Each structure stands twice: as C-alpha cells, then as structure tokens.
Amino acid sequence: MAKEQKHPESVITIGTFDGVHIGHQKIINRLVSVSKKKGLKSVVLTFFPHPRMVLQPDFDLKLLHTIDERKKILSKFGLDQLVVKPFTKAFSNLSAHDYVRHILVDELNAKHIIIGYDHHFGKNRSANIEDLKIFGKEFDFQVEEISAQDIEEVSVSSTKIRTALTEGDVQTANAYLGYAYFLSGSVIKGKGLGKTINFPTANLFIEAAYKLIPKNGVYVVSAHIEGKTVYGMMNIGTNPTVETKDKPSIEVHFFKLDKDLYGQDLVVEILHRLRDEHKFESLEQLQAQLETDKLNAHNLLGIHA
C-alpha cells in the first residue's frame, strides 16, 4: 500500500479575510515573503461558512464577499495554497489541541504560523496565541505575532468597510479595500421599462443572500465585457416611481453598449455614489433625472461626450 504523501512544510496564516482589504493584504504579503525566505509553502487557511452563520444562524450576517469572490481575490497574491475548511458544529467542538495537531500539523505540516495576538481557537474559542506558542514547542513550529497596530488596522477596516457601504460611502470603502467594491451575479430578465425611456438596464441577480449590498441609490460603475472596460450607472432599490418591491433590485445601464446581456455573468465595480433613490411624479421626470445622472457620471469619470 502506497504511503500517503505528506504536505510540504508550510507557513500559514489563518482568518476569515472577508474583503481581503489593505490590512489583510499586508499580512498575506508578509506570509509570501516568509515563505520565500524560509523555503516553505505559503498557505492561507480560511473557513466557510462563516462561524457566525453556523453558531448564530438567527444573526443576519452580511459579508463583503462570497466565498467564490474571496477565492478569486486571494488567487492574485501568489499563494501556494488556499485551504477553505468547512466550518460545522462538529468542527467548532474540536479541542484546541486536536485542531492544532490534526489540521495545522498533520494536514498542513505547519512550521511557521503568522497570527494576531487576539486570535482565539478551539472549542468555545478557549485557546489563544500563548497556547499556540506552547503547542509550537510540542509540535515544532514557530509562531509569529502580528502586532496590535496591524490587527487594529485589519479589524477596523472590516468594520469600517461594512459600515461605509451600508451608508453609501463608496470612497471610504474603496480606500480601505485598496480596490473598487464589486458585485458579481448573472443578468436576468426584467420588465424592460428602462428601454421605454432610453435607459435599458441589465438586471443583476446575486445568489448569495449573505453578500453585502450597498445602500439603496444610484452609483457610477464599470464592468469588463468582451475584453473591454465599459462604464455605466447602477440603481439599487425598489423602483418607487414605477413599482414598490419588498426586495431591492440591482439594475445597471451601461453607456455606449447596445448589447443583450441576458444570461451573462457580470462583475460590476462600484466607483462613485451619485444620489439616493427618489420617487418621481412621472416617467418623464425620472428620465430627465437619469439624463442628469448620466452627465454627472461622465463628469466624475472624466468622460466628456
């Protein structure tokens, strides 16, 4: 019987990494740097579903990215491996010692672990970084502590990004992310009302209910379609002028794009916020406002007709 091949010796960092923002990026870049210096495989260990989804199912948790979006962003950092460990109630009941021995040592062959001073793990999150250092002596791995300042940057960024997007403050969110916040989904059929006022829209359907959708309103956006960057405006809301829906819809009107996008998957980057959603007295008033929005969007983008 062939002997099971052991995982290469690795340097690991552990976390949710929701948003993969500038604070996370600093830690991941450190991870890659250590891996090159020590000749170890760089591994990010993350979990899905989010622990809160499993342990507090009644809490309506919204995340900056779906797990697929998180994987896509992390793939750009030159990591050797991204490990997504399914988080279950059974997994949450693993003792700290069993978690370290079975996951970090036996499965991932950890030789260097980069972790925050406030990291807790094991059943009831009972173990901390000091316990990890003790396990390090037992299992022969080094523990590198991320400074309080860097940890504060990570946690504050996550909180600030969520808050900013909920309030419609795209500029703050994007500054903390280090890139434009985006929504990814498939284009579904709408009622076609936009066409009647010369503003045809692509209706974006986002499957993951836990994905954080920014505050209702009108935004300036971009997307890559058939190898080209196209710009446009996006409305998140209930379309109060035409109908009032319980659940907000996401509709994108692309400038200079006369193309049927039904059935396509789109990634829409949010660049600026133009205004709140309003109810207009007539479709004519709505159309006039959309013309103004378009002009304002072009000015923000530096695109002059």
C-alpha atoms as a PDB file:
ATOM      1  CA  MET A   1       0.000   0.000   0.000  1.00  0.00           C
ATOM      2  CA  ALA A   2       1.445   3.381  -1.032  1.00  0.00           C
ATOM      3  CA  LYS A   3       2.395   5.657   1.824  1.00  0.00           C
ATOM      4  CA  GLU A   4       0.318   8.842   1.978  1.00  0.00           C
ATOM      5  CA  GLN A   5       2.371  11.778   0.776  1.00  0.00           C
ATOM      6  CA  LYS A   6       2.970  14.371   3.450  1.00  0.00           C
ATOM      7  CA  HIS A   7       2.048  18.014   2.844  1.00  0.00           C
ATOM      8  CA  PRO A   8       5.141  20.172   2.167  1.00  0.00           C
ATOM      9  CA  GLU A   9       6.402  22.175   5.141  1.00  0.00           C
ATOM     10  CA  SER A  10       4.390  25.392   5.249  1.00  0.00           C
ATOM     11  CA  VAL A  11       3.975  28.878   6.632  1.00  0.00           C
ATOM     12  CA  ILE A  12       0.332  29.541   7.467  1.00  0.00           C
ATOM     13  CA  THR A  13      -1.911  32.450   8.317  1.00  0.00           C
ATOM     14  CA  ILE A  14      -5.470  31.901   9.491  1.00  0.00           C
ATOM     15  CA  GLY A  15      -8.568  34.050   9.256  1.00  0.00           C
ATOM     16  CA  THR A  16     -11.847  34.895   7.574  1.00  0.00           C
ATOM     17  CA  PHE A  17     -10.194  37.505   5.305  1.00  0.00           C
ATOM     18  CA  ASP A  18     -13.564  38.971   4.345  1.00  0.00           C
ATOM     19  CA  GLY A  19     -12.900  41.744   1.852  1.00  0.00           C
ATOM     20  CA  VAL A  20      -9.170  40.938   1.519  1.00  0.00           C
ATOM     21  CA  HIS A  21      -8.609  44.632   2.256  1.00  0.00           C
ATOM     22  CA  ILE A  22      -5.389  46.595   2.791  1.00  0.00           C
ATOM     23  CA  GLY A  23      -4.908  45.212   6.314  1.00  0.00           C
ATOM     24  CA  HIS A  24      -5.308  41.621   5.126  1.00  0.00           C
ATOM     25  CA  GLN A  25      -3.056  42.298   2.144  1.00  0.00           C
ATOM     26  CA  LYS A  26      -0.247  43.370   4.476  1.00  0.00           C
ATOM     27  CA  ILE A  27      -0.468  40.046   6.352  1.00  0.00           C
ATOM     28  CA  ILE A  28      -0.665  37.980   3.141  1.00  0.00           C
ATOM     29  CA  ASN A  29       2.333  39.795   1.648  1.00  0.00           C
ATOM     30  CA  ARG A  30       4.250  39.038   4.872  1.00  0.00           C
ATOM     31  CA  LEU A  31       3.230  35.380   4.528  1.00  0.00           C
ATOM     32  CA  VAL A  32       4.534  35.183   0.952  1.00  0.00           C
ATOM     33  CA  SER A  33       7.761  36.946   1.981  1.00  0.00           C
ATOM     34  CA  VAL A  34       8.425  34.456   4.828  1.00  0.00           C
ATOM     35  CA  SER A  35       7.641  31.515   2.537  1.00  0.00           C
ATOM     36  CA  LYS A  36      10.282  32.640   0.037  1.00  0.00           C
ATOM     37  CA  LYS A  37      12.856  33.399   2.737  1.00  0.00           C
ATOM     38  CA  LYS A  38      12.411  30.061   4.519  1.00  0.00           C
ATOM     39  CA  GLY A  39      11.615  27.867   1.518  1.00  0.00           C
ATOM     40  CA  LEU A  40       8.169  26.988   2.888  1.00  0.00           C
ATOM     41  CA  LYS A  41       4.827  26.695   1.082  1.00  0.00           C
ATOM     42  CA  SER A  42       2.583  29.722   1.697  1.00  0.00           C
ATOM     43  CA  VAL A  43      -0.862  28.676   2.922  1.00  0.00           C
ATOM     44  CA  VAL A  44      -3.915  30.738   3.833  1.00  0.00           C
ATOM     45  CA  LEU A  45      -6.372  28.798   5.993  1.00  0.00           C
ATOM     46  CA  THR A  46      -9.889  30.185   5.949  1.00  0.00           C
ATOM     47  CA  PHE A  47     -13.331  28.886   6.831  1.00  0.00           C
ATOM     48  CA  PHE A  48     -16.745  28.672   5.206  1.00  0.00           C
ATOM     49  CA  PRO A  49     -19.494  29.102   6.128  1.00  0.00           C
ATOM     50  CA  HIS A  50     -18.520  31.966   8.425  1.00  0.00           C
ATOM     51  CA  PRO A  51     -18.555  30.637  12.019  1.00  0.00           C
ATOM     52  CA  ARG A  52     -21.360  33.041  12.923  1.00  0.00           C
ATOM     53  CA  MET A  53     -23.575  31.558  10.192  1.00  0.00           C
ATOM     54  CA  VAL A  54     -23.295  28.172  11.893  1.00  0.00           C
ATOM     55  CA  LEU A  55     -23.216  29.128  15.576  1.00  0.00           C
ATOM     56  CA  GLN A  56     -25.644  32.081  15.393  1.00  0.00           C
ATOM     57  CA  PRO A  57     -27.980  31.212  12.481  1.00  0.00           C
ATOM     58  CA  ASP A  58     -30.537  33.860  13.506  1.00  0.00           C
ATOM     59  CA  PHE A  59     -27.946  36.632  13.116  1.00  0.00           C
ATOM     60  CA  ASP A  60     -28.343  38.187   9.657  1.00  0.00           C
ATOM     61  CA  LEU A  61     -24.650  38.300   8.812  1.00  0.00           C
ATOM     62  CA  LYS A  62     -23.608  40.177   5.670  1.00  0.00           C
ATOM     63  CA  LEU A  63     -20.148  39.612   4.221  1.00  0.00           C
ATOM     64  CA  LEU A  64     -18.184  41.784   1.818  1.00  0.00           C
ATOM     65  CA  HIS A  65     -17.543  38.859  -0.493  1.00  0.00           C
ATOM     66  CA  THR A  66     -18.961  35.470  -1.341  1.00  0.00           C
ATOM     67  CA  ILE A  67     -16.589  32.548  -0.871  1.00  0.00           C
ATOM     68  CA  ASP A  68     -16.008  32.385  -4.651  1.00  0.00           C
ATOM     69  CA  GLU A  69     -15.173  36.099  -4.763  1.00  0.00           C
ATOM     70  CA  ARG A  70     -12.774  35.654  -1.829  1.00  0.00           C
ATOM     71  CA  LYS A  71     -11.023  32.785  -3.607  1.00  0.00           C
ATOM     72  CA  LYS A  72     -10.699  34.876  -6.774  1.00  0.00           C
ATOM     73  CA  ILE A  73      -9.095  37.818  -4.962  1.00  0.00           C
ATOM     74  CA  LEU A  74      -6.732  35.644  -2.896  1.00  0.00           C
ATOM     75  CA  SER A  75      -5.575  33.860  -6.070  1.00  0.00           C
ATOM     76  CA  LYS A  76      -3.846  37.093  -7.146  1.00  0.00           C
ATOM     77  CA  PHE A  77      -1.328  37.129  -4.271  1.00  0.00           C
ATOM     78  CA  GLY A  78       0.961  34.337  -5.408  1.00  0.00           C
ATOM     79  CA  LEU A  79      -0.079  31.945  -2.635  1.00  0.00           C
ATOM     80  CA  ASP A  80       0.928  28.306  -2.935  1.00  0.00           C
ATOM     81  CA  GLN A  81      -2.349  27.132  -1.427  1.00  0.00           C
ATOM     82  CA  LEU A  82      -5.688  28.402  -0.197  1.00  0.00           C
ATOM     83  CA  VAL A  83      -7.390  25.960   2.158  1.00  0.00           C
ATOM     84  CA  VAL A  84     -11.117  26.518   2.731  1.00  0.00           C
ATOM     85  CA  LYS A  85     -12.089  24.397   5.717  1.00  0.00           C
ATOM     86  CA  PRO A  86     -15.835  23.675   6.019  1.00  0.00           C
ATOM     87  CA  PHE A  87     -16.987  25.157   9.328  1.00  0.00           C
ATOM     88  CA  THR A  88     -19.501  22.868  11.030  1.00  0.00           C
ATOM     89  CA  LYS A  89     -20.763  22.430  14.596  1.00  0.00           C
ATOM     90  CA  ALA A  90     -18.618  19.308  14.853  1.00  0.00           C
ATOM     91  CA  PHE A  91     -15.553  21.296  13.742  1.00  0.00           C
ATOM     92  CA  SER A  92     -16.339  24.007  16.329  1.00  0.00           C
ATOM     93  CA  ASN A  93     -16.248  21.310  19.036  1.00  0.00           C
ATOM     94  CA  LEU A  94     -12.659  20.289  18.246  1.00  0.00           C
ATOM     95  CA  SER A  95     -10.399  20.921  21.215  1.00  0.00           C
ATOM     96  CA  ALA A  96      -7.587  23.420  20.651  1.00  0.00           C
ATOM     97  CA  HIS A  97      -5.005  20.622  20.888  1.00  0.00           C
ATOM     98  CA  ASP A  98      -6.832  18.425  18.346  1.00  0.00           C
ATOM     99  CA  TYR A  99      -7.293  21.377  15.969  1.00  0.00           C
ATOM    100  CA  VAL A 100      -3.571  22.185  16.073  1.00  0.00           C
ATOM    101  CA  ARG A 101      -2.475  18.557  15.806  1.00  0.00           C
ATOM    102  CA  HIS A 102      -4.897  17.368  13.107  1.00  0.00           C
ATOM    103  CA  ILE A 103      -5.316  20.498  10.949  1.00  0.00           C
ATOM    104  CA  LEU A 104      -2.206  22.646  11.341  1.00  0.00           C
ATOM    105  CA  VAL A 105       0.392  19.922  11.903  1.00  0.00           C
ATOM    106  CA  ASP A 106      -0.813  16.611  10.384  1.00  0.00           C
ATOM    107  CA  GLU A 107      -2.758  18.094   7.468  1.00  0.00           C
ATOM    108  CA  LEU A 108      -0.790  21.262   6.616  1.00  0.00           C
ATOM    109  CA  ASN A 109       2.657  20.477   8.109  1.00  0.00           C
ATOM    110  CA  ALA A 110       2.972  23.939   9.696  1.00  0.00           C
ATOM    111  CA  LYS A 111       6.480  25.151  10.506  1.00  0.00           C
ATOM    112  CA  HIS A 112       5.693  28.873  10.841  1.00  0.00           C
ATOM    113  CA  ILE A 113       2.333  30.413  11.787  1.00  0.00           C
ATOM    114  CA  ILE A 114       1.619  34.143  11.404  1.00  0.00           C
ATOM    115  CA  ILE A 115      -1.259  35.100  13.670  1.00  0.00           C
ATOM    116  CA  GLY A 116      -2.721  38.023  15.611  1.00  0.00           C
ATOM    117  CA  TYR A 117      -2.263  38.494  19.345  1.00  0.00           C
ATOM    118  CA  ASP A 118      -6.059  38.357  19.767  1.00  0.00           C
ATOM    119  CA  HIS A 119      -6.559  35.100  17.819  1.00  0.00           C
ATOM    120  CA  HIS A 120      -8.694  32.514  19.619  1.00  0.00           C
ATOM    121  CA  PHE A 121      -9.311  28.951  18.528  1.00  0.00           C
ATOM    122  CA  GLY A 122     -10.558  25.539  19.645  1.00  0.00           C
ATOM    123  CA  LYS A 123     -13.841  24.654  21.338  1.00  0.00           C
ATOM    124  CA  ASN A 124     -15.561  27.797  22.698  1.00  0.00           C
ATOM    125  CA  ARG A 125     -12.555  29.764  21.362  1.00  0.00           C
ATOM    126  CA  SER A 126     -10.835  28.856  24.611  1.00  0.00           C
ATOM    127  CA  ALA A 127      -7.217  28.923  23.393  1.00  0.00           C
ATOM    128  CA  ASN A 128      -5.148  31.994  22.472  1.00  0.00           C
ATOM    129  CA  ILE A 129      -1.764  32.881  20.992  1.00  0.00           C
ATOM    130  CA  GLU A 130       0.088  31.941  24.200  1.00  0.00           C
ATOM    131  CA  ASP A 131      -1.425  28.451  23.976  1.00  0.00           C
ATOM    132  CA  LEU A 132      -0.405  28.314  20.305  1.00  0.00           C
ATOM    133  CA  LYS A 133       3.201  29.110  21.292  1.00  0.00           C
ATOM    134  CA  ILE A 134       3.125  26.207  23.777  1.00  0.00           C
ATOM    135  CA  PHE A 135       1.773  23.918  21.036  1.00  0.00           C
ATOM    136  CA  GLY A 136       4.558  25.238  18.810  1.00  0.00           C
ATOM    137  CA  LYS A 137       7.160  23.814  21.201  1.00  0.00           C
ATOM    138  CA  GLU A 138       5.309  20.486  21.281  1.00  0.00           C
ATOM    139  CA  PHE A 139       4.863  20.198  17.502  1.00  0.00           C
ATOM    140  CA  ASP A 140       7.949  22.095  16.323  1.00  0.00           C
ATOM    141  CA  PHE A 141       6.554  25.219  14.659  1.00  0.00           C
ATOM    142  CA  GLN A 142       7.305  28.898  15.162  1.00  0.00           C
ATOM    143  CA  VAL A 143       4.596  31.454  15.981  1.00  0.00           C
ATOM    144  CA  GLU A 144       4.952  34.995  14.633  1.00  0.00           C
ATOM    145  CA  GLU A 145       2.685  37.530  16.277  1.00  0.00           C
ATOM    146  CA  ILE A 146       1.005  40.202  14.164  1.00  0.00           C
ATOM    147  CA  SER A 147       1.288  43.491  16.035  1.00  0.00           C
ATOM    148  CA  ALA A 148      -1.640  45.072  17.854  1.00  0.00           C
ATOM    149  CA  GLN A 149      -1.408  48.014  15.450  1.00  0.00           C
ATOM    150  CA  ASP A 150      -1.692  45.765  12.390  1.00  0.00           C
ATOM    151  CA  ILE A 151      -4.547  43.786  13.950  1.00  0.00           C
ATOM    152  CA  GLU A 152      -6.371  47.006  14.747  1.00  0.00           C
ATOM    153  CA  GLU A 153      -5.941  48.043  11.122  1.00  0.00           C
ATOM    154  CA  VAL A 154      -7.477  44.744   9.986  1.00  0.00           C
ATOM    155  CA  SER A 155     -10.474  44.759  12.320  1.00  0.00           C
ATOM    156  CA  VAL A 156     -11.179  48.471  11.976  1.00  0.00           C
ATOM    157  CA  SER A 157     -11.011  48.203   8.210  1.00  0.00           C
ATOM    158  CA  SER A 158     -13.536  45.350   8.064  1.00  0.00           C
ATOM    159  CA  THR A 159     -15.952  47.171  10.308  1.00  0.00           C
ATOM    160  CA  LYS A 160     -15.466  50.497   8.558  1.00  0.00           C
ATOM    161  CA  ILE A 161     -15.943  48.968   5.100  1.00  0.00           C
ATOM    162  CA  ARG A 162     -19.235  47.335   6.068  1.00  0.00           C
ATOM    163  CA  THR A 163     -20.450  50.499   7.761  1.00  0.00           C
ATOM    164  CA  ALA A 164     -19.356  52.709   4.865  1.00  0.00           C
ATOM    165  CA  LEU A 165     -21.140  50.577   2.254  1.00  0.00           C
ATOM    166  CA  THR A 166     -24.299  50.421   4.375  1.00  0.00           C
ATOM    167  CA  GLU A 167     -24.206  54.224   4.468  1.00  0.00           C
ATOM    168  CA  GLY A 168     -23.385  54.534   0.754  1.00  0.00           C
ATOM    169  CA  ASP A 169     -19.868  55.878   1.381  1.00  0.00           C
ATOM    170  CA  VAL A 170     -18.127  54.139  -1.511  1.00  0.00           C
ATOM    171  CA  GLN A 171     -14.988  56.282  -1.366  1.00  0.00           C
ATOM    172  CA  THR A 172     -14.156  55.227   2.211  1.00  0.00           C
ATOM    173  CA  ALA A 173     -14.935  51.578   1.486  1.00  0.00           C
ATOM    174  CA  ASN A 174     -12.749  51.519  -1.629  1.00  0.00           C
ATOM    175  CA  ALA A 175      -9.903  53.299   0.182  1.00  0.00           C
ATOM    176  CA  TYR A 176      -9.850  50.582   2.863  1.00  0.00           C
ATOM    177  CA  LEU A 177     -10.222  47.775   0.329  1.00  0.00           C
ATOM    178  CA  GLY A 178      -7.467  49.068  -1.922  1.00  0.00           C
ATOM    179  CA  TYR A 179      -9.710  48.361  -4.932  1.00  0.00           C
ATOM    180  CA  ALA A 180     -13.301  49.031  -6.039  1.00  0.00           C
ATOM    181  CA  TYR A 181     -16.007  47.108  -4.182  1.00  0.00           C
ATOM    182  CA  PHE A 182     -17.832  44.859  -6.604  1.00  0.00           C
ATOM    183  CA  LEU A 183     -20.986  42.853  -7.082  1.00  0.00           C
ATOM    184  CA  SER A 184     -20.960  39.685  -9.159  1.00  0.00           C
ATOM    185  CA  GLY A 185     -24.053  37.975 -10.452  1.00  0.00           C
ATOM    186  CA  SER A 186     -25.970  36.849 -13.507  1.00  0.00           C
ATOM    187  CA  VAL A 187     -28.108  39.050 -15.753  1.00  0.00           C
ATOM    188  CA  ILE A 188     -31.790  38.109 -15.574  1.00  0.00           C
ATOM    189  CA  LYS A 189     -34.811  39.383 -17.477  1.00  0.00           C
ATOM    190  CA  GLY A 190     -36.525  42.463 -16.072  1.00  0.00           C
ATOM    191  CA  LYS A 191     -39.702  44.208 -17.187  1.00  0.00           C
ATOM    192  CA  GLY A 192     -37.914  46.170 -19.899  1.00  0.00           C
ATOM    193  CA  LEU A 193     -39.194  49.523 -18.617  1.00  0.00           C
ATOM    194  CA  GLY A 194     -35.754  51.114 -18.976  1.00  0.00           C
ATOM    195  CA  LYS A 195     -35.881  50.664 -22.744  1.00  0.00           C
ATOM    196  CA  THR A 196     -39.061  52.747 -22.976  1.00  0.00           C
ATOM    197  CA  ILE A 197     -37.216  55.798 -21.582  1.00  0.00           C
ATOM    198  CA  ASN A 198     -33.940  55.182 -23.463  1.00  0.00           C
ATOM    199  CA  PHE A 199     -32.166  53.735 -20.419  1.00  0.00           C
ATOM    200  CA  PRO A 200     -32.118  49.958 -20.954  1.00  0.00           C
ATOM    201  CA  THR A 201     -30.756  48.086 -17.955  1.00  0.00           C
ATOM    202  CA  ALA A 202     -29.147  44.761 -17.129  1.00  0.00           C
ATOM    203  CA  ASN A 203     -30.825  43.290 -14.055  1.00  0.00           C
ATOM    204  CA  LEU A 204     -28.210  41.683 -11.820  1.00  0.00           C
ATOM    205  CA  PHE A 205     -29.180  38.664  -9.727  1.00  0.00           C
ATOM    206  CA  ILE A 206     -26.915  37.835  -6.778  1.00  0.00           C
ATOM    207  CA  GLU A 207     -27.483  34.331  -5.476  1.00  0.00           C
ATOM    208  CA  ALA A 208     -25.694  34.569  -2.110  1.00  0.00           C
ATOM    209  CA  ALA A 209     -28.108  36.096   0.400  1.00  0.00           C
ATOM    210  CA  TYR A 210     -25.194  36.940   2.723  1.00  0.00           C
ATOM    211  CA  LYS A 211     -23.471  39.257   0.216  1.00  0.00           C
ATOM    212  CA  LEU A 212     -23.494  42.855   1.479  1.00  0.00           C
ATOM    213  CA  ILE A 213     -25.375  45.125  -0.932  1.00  0.00           C
ATOM    214  CA  PRO A 214     -24.607  48.857  -0.534  1.00  0.00           C
ATOM    215  CA  LYS A 215     -27.229  51.408   0.478  1.00  0.00           C
ATOM    216  CA  ASN A 216     -30.066  51.978  -1.998  1.00  0.00           C
ATOM    217  CA  GLY A 217     -29.251  54.666  -4.525  1.00  0.00           C
ATOM    218  CA  VAL A 218     -27.600  55.444  -7.850  1.00  0.00           C
ATOM    219  CA  TYR A 219     -23.933  54.651  -8.431  1.00  0.00           C
ATOM    220  CA  VAL A 220     -21.286  55.066 -11.135  1.00  0.00           C
ATOM    221  CA  VAL A 221     -19.925  51.652 -12.111  1.00  0.00           C
ATOM    222  CA  SER A 222     -17.678  49.789 -14.523  1.00  0.00           C
ATOM    223  CA  ALA A 223     -17.525  46.235 -15.852  1.00  0.00           C
ATOM    224  CA  HIS A 224     -15.347  44.202 -18.210  1.00  0.00           C
ATOM    225  CA  ILE A 225     -17.424  42.936 -21.106  1.00  0.00           C
ATOM    226  CA  GLU A 226     -15.834  41.058 -24.006  1.00  0.00           C
ATOM    227  CA  GLY A 227     -12.372  42.290 -23.072  1.00  0.00           C
ATOM    228  CA  LYS A 228     -13.364  45.951 -22.811  1.00  0.00           C
ATOM    229  CA  THR A 229     -13.995  48.194 -19.812  1.00  0.00           C
ATOM    230  CA  VAL A 230     -17.445  49.732 -20.043  1.00  0.00           C
ATOM    231  CA  TYR A 231     -18.895  52.363 -17.728  1.00  0.00           C
ATOM    232  CA  GLY A 232     -22.414  52.974 -16.590  1.00  0.00           C
ATOM    233  CA  MET A 233     -24.861  53.768 -13.782  1.00  0.00           C
ATOM    234  CA  MET A 234     -26.397  51.327 -11.350  1.00  0.00           C
ATOM    235  CA  ASN A 235     -29.599  51.676  -9.352  1.00  0.00           C
ATOM    236  CA  ILE A 236     -30.029  49.677  -6.171  1.00  0.00           C
ATOM    237  CA  GLY A 237     -33.553  49.961  -4.834  1.00  0.00           C
ATOM    238  CA  THR A 238     -37.252  49.342  -5.169  1.00  0.00           C
ATOM    239  CA  ASN A 239     -38.026  51.476  -8.266  1.00  0.00           C
ATOM    240  CA  PRO A 240     -40.588  53.614  -6.383  1.00  0.00           C
ATOM    241  CA  THR A 241     -41.592  55.631  -9.470  1.00  0.00           C
ATOM    242  CA  VAL A 242     -42.794  52.525 -11.287  1.00  0.00           C
ATOM    243  CA  GLU A 243     -43.444  49.960  -8.575  1.00  0.00           C
ATOM    244  CA  THR A 244     -42.590  49.320  -4.951  1.00  0.00           C
ATOM    245  CA  LYS A 245     -40.917  45.999  -4.300  1.00  0.00           C
ATOM    246  CA  ASP A 246     -40.085  44.399  -0.988  1.00  0.00           C
ATOM    247  CA  LYS A 247     -36.664  43.293  -2.123  1.00  0.00           C
ATOM    248  CA  PRO A 248     -34.285  45.777  -3.761  1.00  0.00           C
ATOM    249  CA  SER A 249     -33.287  45.105  -7.356  1.00  0.00           C
ATOM    250  CA  ILE A 250     -29.915  45.894  -8.929  1.00  0.00           C
ATOM    251  CA  GLU A 251     -30.130  47.416 -12.411  1.00  0.00           C
ATOM    252  CA  VAL A 252     -27.199  48.593 -14.489  1.00  0.00           C
ATOM    253  CA  HIS A 253     -27.360  50.907 -17.501  1.00  0.00           C
ATOM    254  CA  PHE A 254     -24.121  50.810 -19.487  1.00  0.00           C
ATOM    255  CA  PHE A 255     -23.111  53.822 -21.587  1.00  0.00           C
ATOM    256  CA  LYS A 256     -22.333  53.150 -25.251  1.00  0.00           C
ATOM    257  CA  LEU A 257     -23.263  49.480 -25.071  1.00  0.00           C
ATOM    258  CA  ASP A 258     -26.032  48.197 -27.294  1.00  0.00           C
ATOM    259  CA  LYS A 259     -25.932  44.529 -26.424  1.00  0.00           C
ATOM    260  CA  ASP A 260     -28.205  41.875 -24.992  1.00  0.00           C
ATOM    261  CA  LEU A 261     -26.536  40.677 -21.775  1.00  0.00           C
ATOM    262  CA  TYR A 262     -29.223  38.214 -20.632  1.00  0.00           C
ATOM    263  CA  GLY A 263     -27.723  35.087 -19.138  1.00  0.00           C
ATOM    264  CA  GLN A 264     -24.212  36.529 -18.822  1.00  0.00           C
ATOM    265  CA  ASP A 265     -22.236  36.616 -15.589  1.00  0.00           C
ATOM    266  CA  LEU A 266     -21.070  40.116 -14.715  1.00  0.00           C
ATOM    267  CA  VAL A 267     -18.700  41.653 -12.192  1.00  0.00           C
ATOM    268  CA  VAL A 268     -19.745  45.260 -11.567  1.00  0.00           C
ATOM    269  CA  GLU A 269     -17.251  47.551  -9.829  1.00  0.00           C
ATOM    270  CA  ILE A 270     -18.719  50.436  -7.830  1.00  0.00           C
ATOM    271  CA  LEU A 271     -16.751  53.651  -8.352  1.00  0.00           C
ATOM    272  CA  HIS A 272     -18.863  56.566  -7.031  1.00  0.00           C
ATOM    273  CA  ARG A 273     -22.242  57.252  -5.471  1.00  0.00           C
ATOM    274  CA  LEU A 274     -24.427  59.792  -7.253  1.00  0.00           C
ATOM    275  CA  ARG A 275     -27.573  60.117  -5.141  1.00  0.00           C
ATOM    276  CA  ASP A 276     -30.340  58.493  -3.116  1.00  0.00           C
ATOM    277  CA  GLU A 277     -33.198  56.725  -4.842  1.00  0.00           C
ATOM    278  CA  HIS A 278     -36.232  59.012  -5.290  1.00  0.00           C
ATOM    279  CA  LYS A 279     -39.844  58.632  -6.287  1.00  0.00           C
ATOM    280  CA  PHE A 280     -40.730  60.844  -9.265  1.00  0.00           C
ATOM    281  CA  GLU A 281     -44.193  62.026 -10.273  1.00  0.00           C
ATOM    282  CA  SER A 282     -43.844  60.706 -13.818  1.00  0.00           C
ATOM    283  CA  LEU A 283     -41.633  58.660 -16.117  1.00  0.00           C
ATOM    284  CA  GLU A 284     -40.689  61.921 -17.865  1.00  0.00           C
ATOM    285  CA  GLN A 285     -39.307  63.322 -14.607  1.00  0.00           C
ATOM    286  CA  LEU A 286     -37.433  60.064 -13.990  1.00  0.00           C
ATOM    287  CA  GLN A 287     -35.939  60.197 -17.494  1.00  0.00           C
ATOM    288  CA  ALA A 288     -34.851  63.824 -17.005  1.00  0.00           C
ATOM    289  CA  GLN A 289     -33.150  62.857 -13.719  1.00  0.00           C
ATOM    290  CA  LEU A 290     -31.400  59.922 -15.393  1.00  0.00           C
ATOM    291  CA  GLU A 291     -30.041  62.285 -18.059  1.00  0.00           C
ATOM    292  CA  THR A 292     -28.659  64.479 -15.259  1.00  0.00           C
ATOM    293  CA  ASP A 293     -27.223  61.398 -13.534  1.00  0.00           C
ATOM    294  CA  LYS A 294     -25.547  60.365 -16.763  1.00  0.00           C
ATOM    295  CA  LEU A 295     -23.957  63.802 -17.173  1.00  0.00           C
ATOM    296  CA  ASN A 296     -22.757  63.743 -13.545  1.00  0.00           C
ATOM    297  CA  ALA A 297     -21.370  60.245 -14.035  1.00  0.00           C
ATOM    298  CA  HIS A 298     -19.451  61.320 -17.143  1.00  0.00           C
ATOM    299  CA  ASN A 299     -18.024  64.282 -15.240  1.00  0.00           C
ATOM    300  CA  LEU A 300     -16.888  62.033 -12.374  1.00  0.00           C
ATOM    301  CA  LEU A 301     -15.311  59.630 -14.821  1.00  0.00           C
ATOM    302  CA  GLY A 302     -13.671  62.391 -16.791  1.00  0.00           C
ATOM    303  CA  ILE A 303     -15.509  61.205 -19.885  1.00  0.00           C
ATOM    304  CA  HIS A 304     -16.925  64.112 -21.856  1.00  0.00           C
ATOM    305  CA  ALA A 305     -19.428  63.442 -24.584  1.00  0.00           C
END
